[in-house]
Amino acid sequence: MELEGSYGTVNGANPLSEVLIELEITSLNRTHMEIKKKRILYTYEGGGVKSADYQDQNTTPQPDIIPSGVDMIWYFALPLIALTGIVLVLLYRRLN
């Protein structure tokens, strides 16, 4: 059995490091084996993983855009702002 495929050209600035296609055997008998593409996993530098299910066997799902460092700051800033607000409310109640 031979499987062929190509993802194409990846921009050097793209943090994509690995692509894995999961296959599923949907039918098997003595003379015939049917394989279907089930899911594709995109692995990025830094350990991030995104997955997408195949809707059409002839169309490869494209990965979502990975947030940049500027976008990621909200994942850290928002909890810190909330924590600061909680601490200020607790201090205000304690002092009054």
PDB file of N, CA and C in Angstrom:
ATOM      1  N   MET A   1       0.844  -1.164   0.000  1.00  0.00           N
ATOM      2  CA  MET A   1       0.000   0.000   0.000  1.00  0.00           C
ATOM      3  C   MET A   1       0.893   1.232   0.000  1.00  0.00           C
ATOM      4  N   GLU A   2       0.503   2.229  -0.745  1.00  0.00           N
ATOM      5  CA  GLU A   2       1.260   3.465  -0.813  1.00  0.00           C
ATOM      6  C   GLU A   2       0.330   4.642  -0.621  1.00  0.00           C
ATOM      7  N   LEU A   3       0.719   5.526   0.289  1.00  0.00           N
ATOM      8  CA  LEU A   3      -0.044   6.741   0.534  1.00  0.00           C
ATOM      9  C   LEU A   3       0.817   7.919   0.121  1.00  0.00           C
ATOM     10  N   GLU A   4       0.260   8.805  -0.656  1.00  0.00           N
ATOM     11  CA  GLU A   4       0.992   9.982  -1.093  1.00  0.00           C
ATOM     12  C   GLU A   4       0.240  11.230  -0.683  1.00  0.00           C
ATOM     13  N   GLY A   5       0.973  12.287  -0.498  1.00  0.00           N
ATOM     14  CA  GLY A   5       0.343  13.549  -0.172  1.00  0.00           C
ATOM     15  C   GLY A   5       1.380  14.622   0.047  1.00  0.00           C
ATOM     16  N   SER A   6       0.945  15.837  -0.042  1.00  0.00           N
ATOM     17  CA  SER A   6       1.828  16.969   0.158  1.00  0.00           C
ATOM     18  C   SER A   6       1.027  18.087   0.801  1.00  0.00           C
ATOM     19  N   TYR A   7       1.573  18.689   1.809  1.00  0.00           N
ATOM     20  CA  TYR A   7       0.897  19.815   2.459  1.00  0.00           C
ATOM     21  C   TYR A   7       1.119  21.100   1.683  1.00  0.00           C
ATOM     22  N   GLY A   8       2.211  21.171   0.980  1.00  0.00           N
ATOM     23  CA  GLY A   8       2.514  22.388   0.234  1.00  0.00           C
ATOM     24  C   GLY A   8       3.592  23.187   0.937  1.00  0.00           C
ATOM     25  N   THR A   9       3.758  24.412   0.518  1.00  0.00           N
ATOM     26  CA  THR A   9       4.794  25.276   1.055  1.00  0.00           C
ATOM     27  C   THR A   9       4.303  25.974   2.316  1.00  0.00           C
ATOM     28  N   VAL A  10       5.152  25.980   3.337  1.00  0.00           N
ATOM     29  CA  VAL A  10       4.829  26.654   4.596  1.00  0.00           C
ATOM     30  C   VAL A  10       5.757  27.848   4.730  1.00  0.00           C
ATOM     31  N   ASN A  11       5.196  29.011   4.986  1.00  0.00           N
ATOM     32  CA  ASN A  11       5.954  30.237   5.177  1.00  0.00           C
ATOM     33  C   ASN A  11       6.927  30.064   6.342  1.00  0.00           C
ATOM     34  N   GLY A  12       8.120  30.617   6.217  1.00  0.00           N
ATOM     35  CA  GLY A  12       9.134  30.502   7.264  1.00  0.00           C
ATOM     36  C   GLY A  12       8.703  31.111   8.585  1.00  0.00           C
ATOM     37  N   ALA A  13       7.816  32.101   8.562  1.00  0.00           N
ATOM     38  CA  ALA A  13       7.338  32.745   9.788  1.00  0.00           C
ATOM     39  C   ALA A  13       6.247  31.917  10.469  1.00  0.00           C
ATOM     40  N   ASN A  14       5.719  30.918   9.791  1.00  0.00           N
ATOM     41  CA  ASN A  14       4.663  30.070  10.347  1.00  0.00           C
ATOM     42  C   ASN A  14       5.277  29.137  11.388  1.00  0.00           C
ATOM     43  N   PRO A  15       4.739  29.087  12.611  1.00  0.00           N
ATOM     44  CA  PRO A  15       5.308  28.244  13.661  1.00  0.00           C
ATOM     45  C   PRO A  15       4.918  26.770  13.534  1.00  0.00           C
ATOM     46  N   LEU A  16       4.319  26.370  12.423  1.00  0.00           N
ATOM     47  CA  LEU A  16       3.910  24.978  12.215  1.00  0.00           C
ATOM     48  C   LEU A  16       5.142  24.085  12.135  1.00  0.00           C
ATOM     49  N   SER A  17       5.185  23.031  12.944  1.00  0.00           N
ATOM     50  CA  SER A  17       6.349  22.145  12.926  1.00  0.00           C
ATOM     51  C   SER A  17       6.011  20.734  12.467  1.00  0.00           C
ATOM     52  N   GLU A  18       4.741  20.313  12.577  1.00  0.00           N
ATOM     53  CA  GLU A  18       4.398  18.935  12.224  1.00  0.00           C
ATOM     54  C   GLU A  18       2.923  18.837  11.860  1.00  0.00           C
ATOM     55  N   VAL A  19       2.623  17.973  10.889  1.00  0.00           N
ATOM     56  CA  VAL A  19       1.242  17.701  10.499  1.00  0.00           C
ATOM     57  C   VAL A  19       1.056  16.196  10.496  1.00  0.00           C
ATOM     58  N   LEU A  20       0.012  15.715  11.166  1.00  0.00           N
ATOM     59  CA  LEU A  20      -0.278  14.288  11.247  1.00  0.00           C
ATOM     60  C   LEU A  20      -1.714  14.044  10.801  1.00  0.00           C
ATOM     61  N   ILE A  21      -1.891  13.118   9.872  1.00  0.00           N
ATOM     62  CA  ILE A  21      -3.231  12.775   9.397  1.00  0.00           C
ATOM     63  C   ILE A  21      -3.608  11.424   9.993  1.00  0.00           C
ATOM     64  N   GLU A  22      -4.712  11.389  10.747  1.00  0.00           N
ATOM     65  CA  GLU A  22      -5.219  10.134  11.305  1.00  0.00           C
ATOM     66  C   GLU A  22      -6.093   9.453  10.261  1.00  0.00           C
ATOM     67  N   LEU A  23      -5.836   8.167  10.051  1.00  0.00           N
ATOM     68  CA  LEU A  23      -6.615   7.379   9.105  1.00  0.00           C
ATOM     69  C   LEU A  23      -7.472   6.383   9.866  1.00  0.00           C
ATOM     70  N   GLU A  24      -8.606   6.029   9.288  1.00  0.00           N
ATOM     71  CA  GLU A  24      -9.523   5.076   9.910  1.00  0.00           C
ATOM     72  C   GLU A  24      -9.874   3.998   8.883  1.00  0.00           C
ATOM     73  N   ILE A  25      -9.771   2.748   9.283  1.00  0.00           N
ATOM     74  CA  ILE A  25     -10.176   1.644   8.411  1.00  0.00           C
ATOM     75  C   ILE A  25     -11.683   1.490   8.572  1.00  0.00           C
ATOM     76  N   THR A  26     -12.410   1.739   7.482  1.00  0.00           N
ATOM     77  CA  THR A  26     -13.872   1.697   7.547  1.00  0.00           C
ATOM     78  C   THR A  26     -14.444   0.378   7.054  1.00  0.00           C
ATOM     79  N   SER A  27     -13.668  -0.370   6.262  1.00  0.00           N
ATOM     80  CA  SER A  27     -14.141  -1.650   5.744  1.00  0.00           C
ATOM     81  C   SER A  27     -12.935  -2.541   5.493  1.00  0.00           C
ATOM     82  N   LEU A  28     -13.078  -3.811   5.882  1.00  0.00           N
ATOM     83  CA  LEU A  28     -11.972  -4.744   5.711  1.00  0.00           C
ATOM     84  C   LEU A  28     -12.530  -6.142   5.467  1.00  0.00           C
ATOM     85  N   ASN A  29     -12.080  -6.758   4.384  1.00  0.00           N
ATOM     86  CA  ASN A  29     -12.390  -8.159   4.125  1.00  0.00           C
ATOM     87  C   ASN A  29     -11.191  -8.786   3.430  1.00  0.00           C
ATOM     88  N   ARG A  30     -11.328  -9.990   2.899  1.00  0.00           N
ATOM     89  CA  ARG A  30     -10.180 -10.699   2.317  1.00  0.00           C
ATOM     90  C   ARG A  30      -9.557  -9.997   1.119  1.00  0.00           C
ATOM     91  N   THR A  31     -10.328  -9.284   0.346  1.00  0.00           N
ATOM     92  CA  THR A  31      -9.810  -8.702  -0.890  1.00  0.00           C
ATOM     93  C   THR A  31      -9.852  -7.184  -0.929  1.00  0.00           C
ATOM     94  N   HIS A  32     -10.395  -6.568   0.089  1.00  0.00           N
ATOM     95  CA  HIS A  32     -10.613  -5.125   0.013  1.00  0.00           C
ATOM     96  C   HIS A  32     -10.422  -4.477   1.387  1.00  0.00           C
ATOM     97  N   MET A  33      -9.744  -3.347   1.392  1.00  0.00           N
ATOM     98  CA  MET A  33      -9.608  -2.560   2.612  1.00  0.00           C
ATOM     99  C   MET A  33      -9.911  -1.104   2.249  1.00  0.00           C
ATOM    100  N   GLU A  34     -10.819  -0.494   2.979  1.00  0.00           N
ATOM    101  CA  GLU A  34     -11.183   0.892   2.720  1.00  0.00           C
ATOM    102  C   GLU A  34     -10.685   1.760   3.874  1.00  0.00           C
ATOM    103  N   ILE A  35      -9.918   2.780   3.517  1.00  0.00           N
ATOM    104  CA  ILE A  35      -9.342   3.698   4.504  1.00  0.00           C
ATOM    105  C   ILE A  35      -9.913   5.089   4.271  1.00  0.00           C
ATOM    106  N   LYS A  36     -10.236   5.751   5.365  1.00  0.00           N
ATOM    107  CA  LYS A  36     -10.817   7.087   5.298  1.00  0.00           C
ATOM    108  C   LYS A  36      -9.967   8.024   6.151  1.00  0.00           C
ATOM    109  N   LYS A  37      -9.760   9.242   5.665  1.00  0.00           N
ATOM    110  CA  LYS A  37      -9.064  10.262   6.459  1.00  0.00           C
ATOM    111  C   LYS A  37     -10.026  10.735   7.541  1.00  0.00           C
ATOM    112  N   LYS A  38      -9.580  10.648   8.792  1.00  0.00           N
ATOM    113  CA  LYS A  38     -10.463  10.986   9.905  1.00  0.00           C
ATOM    114  C   LYS A  38     -10.211  12.394  10.438  1.00  0.00           C
ATOM    115  N   ARG A  39      -8.967  12.686  10.752  1.00  0.00           N
ATOM    116  CA  ARG A  39      -8.635  13.953  11.424  1.00  0.00           C
ATOM    117  C   ARG A  39      -7.213  14.349  11.056  1.00  0.00           C
ATOM    118  N   ILE A  40      -6.947  15.641  11.121  1.00  0.00           N
ATOM    119  CA  ILE A  40      -5.591  16.140  10.908  1.00  0.00           C
ATOM    120  C   ILE A  40      -5.174  16.919  12.156  1.00  0.00           C
ATOM    121  N   LEU A  41      -3.956  16.686  12.592  1.00  0.00           N
ATOM    122  CA  LEU A  41      -3.415  17.354  13.777  1.00  0.00           C
ATOM    123  C   LEU A  41      -2.247  18.239  13.359  1.00  0.00           C
ATOM    124  N   TYR A  42      -2.334  19.505  13.686  1.00  0.00           N
ATOM    125  CA  TYR A  42      -1.270  20.455  13.404  1.00  0.00           C
ATOM    126  C   TYR A  42      -0.534  20.715  14.715  1.00  0.00           C
ATOM    127  N   THR A  43       0.790  20.504  14.731  1.00  0.00           N
ATOM    128  CA  THR A  43       1.602  20.760  15.913  1.00  0.00           C
ATOM    129  C   THR A  43       2.489  21.959  15.633  1.00  0.00           C
ATOM    130  N   TYR A  44       2.532  22.871  16.577  1.00  0.00           N
ATOM    131  CA  TYR A  44       3.281  24.113  16.413  1.00  0.00           C
ATOM    132  C   TYR A  44       4.472  24.153  17.349  1.00  0.00           C
ATOM    133  N   GLU A  45       5.468  24.953  16.986  1.00  0.00           N
ATOM    134  CA  GLU A  45       6.605  25.178  17.871  1.00  0.00           C
ATOM    135  C   GLU A  45       6.058  25.729  19.182  1.00  0.00           C
ATOM    136  N   GLY A  46       6.575  25.258  20.276  1.00  0.00           N
ATOM    137  CA  GLY A  46       6.068  25.682  21.570  1.00  0.00           C
ATOM    138  C   GLY A  46       5.047  24.704  22.130  1.00  0.00           C
ATOM    139  N   GLY A  47       4.677  23.676  21.356  1.00  0.00           N
ATOM    140  CA  GLY A  47       3.821  22.626  21.875  1.00  0.00           C
ATOM    141  C   GLY A  47       2.339  22.752  21.603  1.00  0.00           C
ATOM    142  N   GLY A  48       1.888  23.813  20.972  1.00  0.00           N
ATOM    143  CA  GLY A  48       0.463  23.960  20.676  1.00  0.00           C
ATOM    144  C   GLY A  48       0.001  22.952  19.636  1.00  0.00           C
ATOM    145  N   VAL A  49      -1.188  22.395  19.836  1.00  0.00           N
ATOM    146  CA  VAL A  49      -1.752  21.414  18.904  1.00  0.00           C
ATOM    147  C   VAL A  49      -3.178  21.829  18.552  1.00  0.00           C
ATOM    148  N   LYS A  50      -3.480  21.822  17.264  1.00  0.00           N
ATOM    149  CA  LYS A  50      -4.839  22.090  16.770  1.00  0.00           C
ATOM    150  C   LYS A  50      -5.278  20.885  15.955  1.00  0.00           C
ATOM    151  N   SER A  51      -6.533  20.510  16.075  1.00  0.00           N
ATOM    152  CA  SER A  51      -7.039  19.394  15.281  1.00  0.00           C
ATOM    153  C   SER A  51      -8.273  19.826  14.509  1.00  0.00           C
ATOM    154  N   ALA A  52      -8.485  19.176  13.370  1.00  0.00           N
ATOM    155  CA  ALA A  52      -9.654  19.454  12.539  1.00  0.00           C
ATOM    156  C   ALA A  52     -10.112  18.144  11.912  1.00  0.00           C
ATOM    157  N   ASP A  53     -11.416  17.892  11.934  1.00  0.00           N
ATOM    158  CA  ASP A  53     -11.971  16.689  11.327  1.00  0.00           C
ATOM    159  C   ASP A  53     -12.154  16.905   9.832  1.00  0.00           C
ATOM    160  N   TYR A  54     -11.989  15.827   9.072  1.00  0.00           N
ATOM    161  CA  TYR A  54     -12.214  15.886   7.627  1.00  0.00           C
ATOM    162  C   TYR A  54     -13.717  15.878   7.355  1.00  0.00           C
ATOM    163  N   GLN A  55     -14.186  16.854   6.608  1.00  0.00           N
ATOM    164  CA  GLN A  55     -15.574  16.894   6.163  1.00  0.00           C
ATOM    165  C   GLN A  55     -15.684  16.284   4.774  1.00  0.00           C
ATOM    166  N   ASP A  56     -14.627  16.468   3.979  1.00  0.00           N
ATOM    167  CA  ASP A  56     -14.556  15.962   2.615  1.00  0.00           C
ATOM    168  C   ASP A  56     -13.191  15.292   2.454  1.00  0.00           C
ATOM    169  N   GLN A  57     -13.154  14.087   1.923  1.00  0.00           N
ATOM    170  CA  GLN A  57     -11.911  13.330   1.807  1.00  0.00           C
ATOM    171  C   GLN A  57     -10.910  13.970   0.848  1.00  0.00           C
ATOM    172  N   ASN A  58     -11.357  14.842  -0.031  1.00  0.00           N
ATOM    173  CA  ASN A  58     -10.471  15.460  -1.015  1.00  0.00           C
ATOM    174  C   ASN A  58     -10.020  16.865  -0.629  1.00  0.00           C
ATOM    175  N   THR A  59     -10.484  17.354   0.520  1.00  0.00           N
ATOM    176  CA  THR A  59     -10.132  18.706   0.953  1.00  0.00           C
ATOM    177  C   THR A  59      -9.495  18.646   2.335  1.00  0.00           C
ATOM    178  N   THR A  60      -8.265  19.121   2.417  1.00  0.00           N
ATOM    179  CA  THR A  60      -7.558  19.132   3.697  1.00  0.00           C
ATOM    180  C   THR A  60      -7.991  20.341   4.511  1.00  0.00           C
ATOM    181  N   PRO A  61      -8.480  20.123   5.752  1.00  0.00           N
ATOM    182  CA  PRO A  61      -8.862  21.261   6.597  1.00  0.00           C
ATOM    183  C   PRO A  61      -7.645  22.134   6.902  1.00  0.00           C
ATOM    184  N   GLN A  62      -7.809  23.426   6.832  1.00  0.00           N
ATOM    185  CA  GLN A  62      -6.716  24.360   7.101  1.00  0.00           C
ATOM    186  C   GLN A  62      -6.666  24.672   8.591  1.00  0.00           C
ATOM    187  N   PRO A  63      -5.460  24.873   9.119  1.00  0.00           N
ATOM    188  CA  PRO A  63      -5.353  25.190  10.546  1.00  0.00           C
ATOM    189  C   PRO A  63      -5.853  26.592  10.836  1.00  0.00           C
ATOM    190  N   ASP A  64      -6.325  26.772  12.066  1.00  0.00           N
ATOM    191  CA  ASP A  64      -6.706  28.110  12.509  1.00  0.00           C
ATOM    192  C   ASP A  64      -5.452  28.964  12.624  1.00  0.00           C
ATOM    193  N   ILE A  65      -5.648  30.256  12.596  1.00  0.00           N
ATOM    194  CA  ILE A  65      -4.514  31.160  12.767  1.00  0.00           C
ATOM    195  C   ILE A  65      -4.107  31.130  14.236  1.00  0.00           C
ATOM    196  N   ILE A  66      -2.839  30.915  14.467  1.00  0.00           N
ATOM    197  CA  ILE A  66      -2.315  30.890  15.835  1.00  0.00           C
ATOM    198  C   ILE A  66      -2.169  32.331  16.318  1.00  0.00           C
ATOM    199  N   PRO A  67      -2.658  32.620  17.540  1.00  0.00           N
ATOM    200  CA  PRO A  67      -2.550  33.983  18.049  1.00  0.00           C
ATOM    201  C   PRO A  67      -1.095  34.420  18.193  1.00  0.00           C
ATOM    202  N   SER A  68      -0.825  35.666  17.895  1.00  0.00           N
ATOM    203  CA  SER A  68       0.523  36.200  18.037  1.00  0.00           C
ATOM    204  C   SER A  68       0.792  36.503  19.502  1.00  0.00           C
ATOM    205  N   GLY A  69       2.019  36.915  19.797  1.00  0.00           N
ATOM    206  CA  GLY A  69       2.389  37.246  21.171  1.00  0.00           C
ATOM    207  C   GLY A  69       1.565  38.377  21.739  1.00  0.00           C
ATOM    208  N   VAL A  70       1.180  39.342  20.898  1.00  0.00           N
ATOM    209  CA  VAL A  70       0.371  40.465  21.348  1.00  0.00           C
ATOM    210  C   VAL A  70      -1.017  39.973  21.762  1.00  0.00           C
ATOM    211  N   ASP A  71      -1.577  39.044  20.984  1.00  0.00           N
ATOM    212  CA  ASP A  71      -2.890  38.501  21.321  1.00  0.00           C
ATOM    213  C   ASP A  71      -2.832  37.654  22.587  1.00  0.00           C
ATOM    214  N   MET A  72      -1.733  36.957  22.780  1.00  0.00           N
ATOM    215  CA  MET A  72      -1.596  36.063  23.928  1.00  0.00           C
ATOM    216  C   MET A  72      -1.487  36.817  25.251  1.00  0.00           C
ATOM    217  N   ILE A  73      -1.103  38.093  25.210  1.00  0.00           N
ATOM    218  CA  ILE A  73      -0.950  38.854  26.451  1.00  0.00           C
ATOM    219  C   ILE A  73      -2.271  38.948  27.212  1.00  0.00           C
ATOM    220  N   TRP A  74      -3.395  38.911  26.487  1.00  0.00           N
ATOM    221  CA  TRP A  74      -4.699  38.984  27.157  1.00  0.00           C
ATOM    222  C   TRP A  74      -4.959  37.761  28.009  1.00  0.00           C
ATOM    223  N   TYR A  75      -4.377  36.618  27.665  1.00  0.00           N
ATOM    224  CA  TYR A  75      -4.556  35.422  28.480  1.00  0.00           C
ATOM    225  C   TYR A  75      -3.872  35.554  29.831  1.00  0.00           C
ATOM    226  N   PHE A  76      -2.887  36.444  29.903  1.00  0.00           N
ATOM    227  CA  PHE A  76      -2.198  36.677  31.170  1.00  0.00           C
ATOM    228  C   PHE A  76      -2.688  37.959  31.840  1.00  0.00           C
ATOM    229  N   ALA A  77      -2.940  38.992  31.049  1.00  0.00           N
ATOM    230  CA  ALA A  77      -3.321  40.287  31.610  1.00  0.00           C
ATOM    231  C   ALA A  77      -4.718  40.245  32.216  1.00  0.00           C
ATOM    232  N   LEU A  78      -5.659  39.630  31.557  1.00  0.00           N
ATOM    233  CA  LEU A  78      -7.038  39.612  32.050  1.00  0.00           C
ATOM    234  C   LEU A  78      -7.163  38.938  33.426  1.00  0.00           C
ATOM    235  N   PRO A  79      -6.579  37.758  33.646  1.00  0.00           N
ATOM    236  CA  PRO A  79      -6.649  37.181  34.998  1.00  0.00           C
ATOM    237  C   PRO A  79      -5.943  38.038  36.052  1.00  0.00           C
ATOM    238  N   LEU A  80      -4.837  38.688  35.664  1.00  0.00           N
ATOM    239  CA  LEU A  80      -4.139  39.557  36.625  1.00  0.00           C
ATOM    240  C   LEU A  80      -4.988  40.769  36.994  1.00  0.00           C
ATOM    241  N   ILE A  81      -5.663  41.347  36.033  1.00  0.00           N
ATOM    242  CA  ILE A  81      -6.553  42.483  36.301  1.00  0.00           C
ATOM    243  C   ILE A  81      -7.698  42.047  37.213  1.00  0.00           C
ATOM    244  N   ALA A  82      -8.274  40.867  36.931  1.00  0.00           N
ATOM    245  CA  ALA A  82      -9.369  40.359  37.770  1.00  0.00           C
ATOM    246  C   ALA A  82      -8.883  40.080  39.193  1.00  0.00           C
ATOM    247  N   LEU A  83      -7.720  39.483  39.330  1.00  0.00           N
ATOM    248  CA  LEU A  83      -7.164  39.185  40.650  1.00  0.00           C
ATOM    249  C   LEU A  83      -6.886  40.468  41.422  1.00  0.00           C
ATOM    250  N   THR A  84      -6.349  41.466  40.751  1.00  0.00           N
ATOM    251  CA  THR A  84      -6.098  42.762  41.390  1.00  0.00           C
ATOM    252  C   THR A  84      -7.397  43.390  41.876  1.00  0.00           C
ATOM    253  N   GLY A  85      -8.450  43.291  41.052  1.00  0.00           N
ATOM    254  CA  GLY A  85      -9.756  43.827  41.452  1.00  0.00           C
ATOM    255  C   GLY A  85     -10.308  43.119  42.671  1.00  0.00           C
ATOM    256  N   ILE A  86     -10.187  41.802  42.727  1.00  0.00           N
ATOM    257  CA  ILE A  86     -10.679  41.045  43.884  1.00  0.00           C
ATOM    258  C   ILE A  86      -9.920  41.425  45.140  1.00  0.00           C
ATOM    259  N   VAL A  87      -8.593  41.528  45.028  1.00  0.00           N
ATOM    260  CA  VAL A  87      -7.775  41.906  46.189  1.00  0.00           C
ATOM    261  C   VAL A  87      -8.142  43.309  46.665  1.00  0.00           C
ATOM    262  N   LEU A  88      -8.351  44.235  45.756  1.00  0.00           N
ATOM    263  CA  LEU A  88      -8.727  45.602  46.154  1.00  0.00           C
ATOM    264  C   LEU A  88     -10.084  45.624  46.849  1.00  0.00           C
ATOM    265  N   VAL A  89     -11.049  44.865  46.378  1.00  0.00           N
ATOM    266  CA  VAL A  89     -12.363  44.805  47.015  1.00  0.00           C
ATOM    267  C   VAL A  89     -12.238  44.222  48.418  1.00  0.00           C
ATOM    268  N   LEU A  90     -11.457  43.149  48.568  1.00  0.00           N
ATOM    269  CA  LEU A  90     -11.272  42.539  49.892  1.00  0.00           C
ATOM    270  C   LEU A  90     -10.569  43.496  50.857  1.00  0.00           C
ATOM    271  N   LEU A  91      -9.556  44.204  50.371  1.00  0.00           N
ATOM    272  CA  LEU A  91      -8.865  45.177  51.228  1.00  0.00           C
ATOM    273  C   LEU A  91      -9.796  46.323  51.623  1.00  0.00           C
ATOM    274  N   TYR A  92     -10.605  46.800  50.697  1.00  0.00           N
ATOM    275  CA  TYR A  92     -11.545  47.893  50.980  1.00  0.00           C
ATOM    276  C   TYR A  92     -12.544  47.464  52.054  1.00  0.00           C
ATOM    277  N   ARG A  93     -13.072  46.230  51.936  1.00  0.00           N
ATOM    278  CA  ARG A  93     -14.039  45.737  52.931  1.00  0.00           C
ATOM    279  C   ARG A  93     -13.393  45.540  54.290  1.00  0.00           C
ATOM    280  N   ARG A  94     -12.164  45.085  54.308  1.00  0.00           N
ATOM    281  CA  ARG A  94     -11.469  44.832  55.573  1.00  0.00           C
ATOM    282  C   ARG A  94     -11.182  46.137  56.309  1.00  0.00           C
ATOM    283  N   LEU A  95     -10.831  47.189  55.541  1.00  0.00           N
ATOM    284  CA  LEU A  95     -10.476  48.473  56.164  1.00  0.00           C
ATOM    285  C   LEU A  95     -11.725  49.222  56.652  1.00  0.00           C
ATOM    286  N   ASN A  96     -12.890  48.933  56.105  1.00  0.00           N
ATOM    287  CA  ASN A  96     -14.114  49.631  56.524  1.00  0.00           C
ATOM    288  C   ASN A  96     -14.870  48.883  57.545  1.00  0.00           C
TER     289      ASN A  96
END
